[in-house]
Amino acid sequence: MVNRDQVAGMAKQIKGSVKQAAGKATGNRRTQIEGMVDKVAGKVQKAYGDVKDKVKKAF
């Protein structure tokens, strides 16, 4: 089962990847870094959702 945090985390990761690629293509270092930050934030949120799901399944 997928929860809201897992979906939002994946969406942030995708958004970050797109932003990072756009920054790299245009030579905009700031956009590229913002994309990397979004990807990391998405991974953290997805991991939180994964843990939340495992705890819910355990009980």
C-alpha atoms as a PDB file:
ATOM      1  CA  MET A   1       0.000   0.000   0.000  1.00  0.00           C
ATOM      2  CA  VAL A   2       1.272   3.454  -0.864  1.00  0.00           C
ATOM      3  CA  ASN A   3       0.712   6.400   1.450  1.00  0.00           C
ATOM      4  CA  ARG A   4       0.639  10.132   0.828  1.00  0.00           C
ATOM      5  CA  ASP A   5       4.240  10.710   1.932  1.00  0.00           C
ATOM      6  CA  GLN A   6       5.572   8.090  -0.454  1.00  0.00           C
ATOM      7  CA  VAL A   7       3.725   9.629  -3.402  1.00  0.00           C
ATOM      8  CA  ALA A   8       4.744  13.182  -2.493  1.00  0.00           C
ATOM      9  CA  GLY A   9       8.344  12.060  -2.040  1.00  0.00           C
ATOM     10  CA  MET A  10       8.455  10.461  -5.469  1.00  0.00           C
ATOM     11  CA  ALA A  11       6.902  13.577  -7.008  1.00  0.00           C
ATOM     12  CA  LYS A  12       9.583  15.761  -5.394  1.00  0.00           C
ATOM     13  CA  GLN A  13      12.301  13.462  -6.684  1.00  0.00           C
ATOM     14  CA  ILE A  14      10.946  13.692 -10.230  1.00  0.00           C
ATOM     15  CA  LYS A  15      10.556  17.465  -9.955  1.00  0.00           C
ATOM     16  CA  GLY A  16      14.134  17.697  -8.703  1.00  0.00           C
ATOM     17  CA  SER A  17      15.458  15.579 -11.551  1.00  0.00           C
ATOM     18  CA  VAL A  18      13.708  17.758 -14.114  1.00  0.00           C
ATOM     19  CA  LYS A  19      14.908  20.945 -12.434  1.00  0.00           C
ATOM     20  CA  GLN A  20      18.457  19.630 -12.224  1.00  0.00           C
ATOM     21  CA  ALA A  21      18.457  18.649 -15.905  1.00  0.00           C
ATOM     22  CA  ALA A  22      17.041  22.035 -16.902  1.00  0.00           C
ATOM     23  CA  GLY A  23      19.720  23.798 -14.888  1.00  0.00           C
ATOM     24  CA  LYS A  24      22.426  21.679 -16.454  1.00  0.00           C
ATOM     25  CA  ALA A  25      21.060  22.266 -19.973  1.00  0.00           C
ATOM     26  CA  THR A  26      20.847  26.040 -19.530  1.00  0.00           C
ATOM     27  CA  GLY A  27      24.051  26.378 -17.550  1.00  0.00           C
ATOM     28  CA  ASN A  28      22.126  27.763 -14.581  1.00  0.00           C
ATOM     29  CA  ARG A  29      24.030  26.437 -11.566  1.00  0.00           C
ATOM     30  CA  ARG A  30      21.428  27.693  -9.062  1.00  0.00           C
ATOM     31  CA  THR A  31      18.576  25.791 -10.727  1.00  0.00           C
ATOM     32  CA  GLN A  32      20.746  22.706 -10.882  1.00  0.00           C
ATOM     33  CA  ILE A  33      21.463  22.916  -7.139  1.00  0.00           C
ATOM     34  CA  GLU A  34      17.785  23.537  -6.338  1.00  0.00           C
ATOM     35  CA  GLY A  35      16.996  20.375  -8.296  1.00  0.00           C
ATOM     36  CA  MET A  36      19.493  18.387  -6.251  1.00  0.00           C
ATOM     37  CA  VAL A  37      17.968  19.751  -3.033  1.00  0.00           C
ATOM     38  CA  ASP A  38      14.460  18.812  -4.204  1.00  0.00           C
ATOM     39  CA  LYS A  39      15.650  15.284  -5.016  1.00  0.00           C
ATOM     40  CA  VAL A  40      17.155  14.843  -1.553  1.00  0.00           C
ATOM     41  CA  ALA A  41      14.020  16.226   0.117  1.00  0.00           C
ATOM     42  CA  GLY A  42      11.925  13.808  -1.922  1.00  0.00           C
ATOM     43  CA  LYS A  43      14.088  10.855  -0.903  1.00  0.00           C
ATOM     44  CA  VAL A  44      13.755  11.816   2.757  1.00  0.00           C
ATOM     45  CA  GLN A  45       9.980  12.199   2.510  1.00  0.00           C
ATOM     46  CA  LYS A  46       9.628   8.875   0.695  1.00  0.00           C
ATOM     47  CA  ALA A  47      11.789   7.150   3.311  1.00  0.00           C
ATOM     48  CA  TYR A  48       9.562   8.626   6.018  1.00  0.00           C
ATOM     49  CA  GLY A  49       6.526   7.276   4.193  1.00  0.00           C
ATOM     50  CA  ASP A  50       8.168   3.854   3.862  1.00  0.00           C
ATOM     51  CA  VAL A  51       8.849   3.708   7.604  1.00  0.00           C
ATOM     52  CA  LYS A  52       5.329   4.890   8.385  1.00  0.00           C
ATOM     53  CA  ASP A  53       3.934   2.149   6.137  1.00  0.00           C
ATOM     54  CA  LYS A  54       6.084  -0.545   7.775  1.00  0.00           C
ATOM     55  CA  VAL A  55       4.993   0.553  11.252  1.00  0.00           C
ATOM     56  CA  LYS A  56       1.355   0.513  10.189  1.00  0.00           C
ATOM     57  CA  LYS A  57       1.752  -3.010   8.770  1.00  0.00           C
ATOM     58  CA  ALA A  58       3.477  -4.183  11.959  1.00  0.00           C
ATOM     59  CA  PHE A  59       0.450  -3.291  14.050  1.00  0.00           C
END
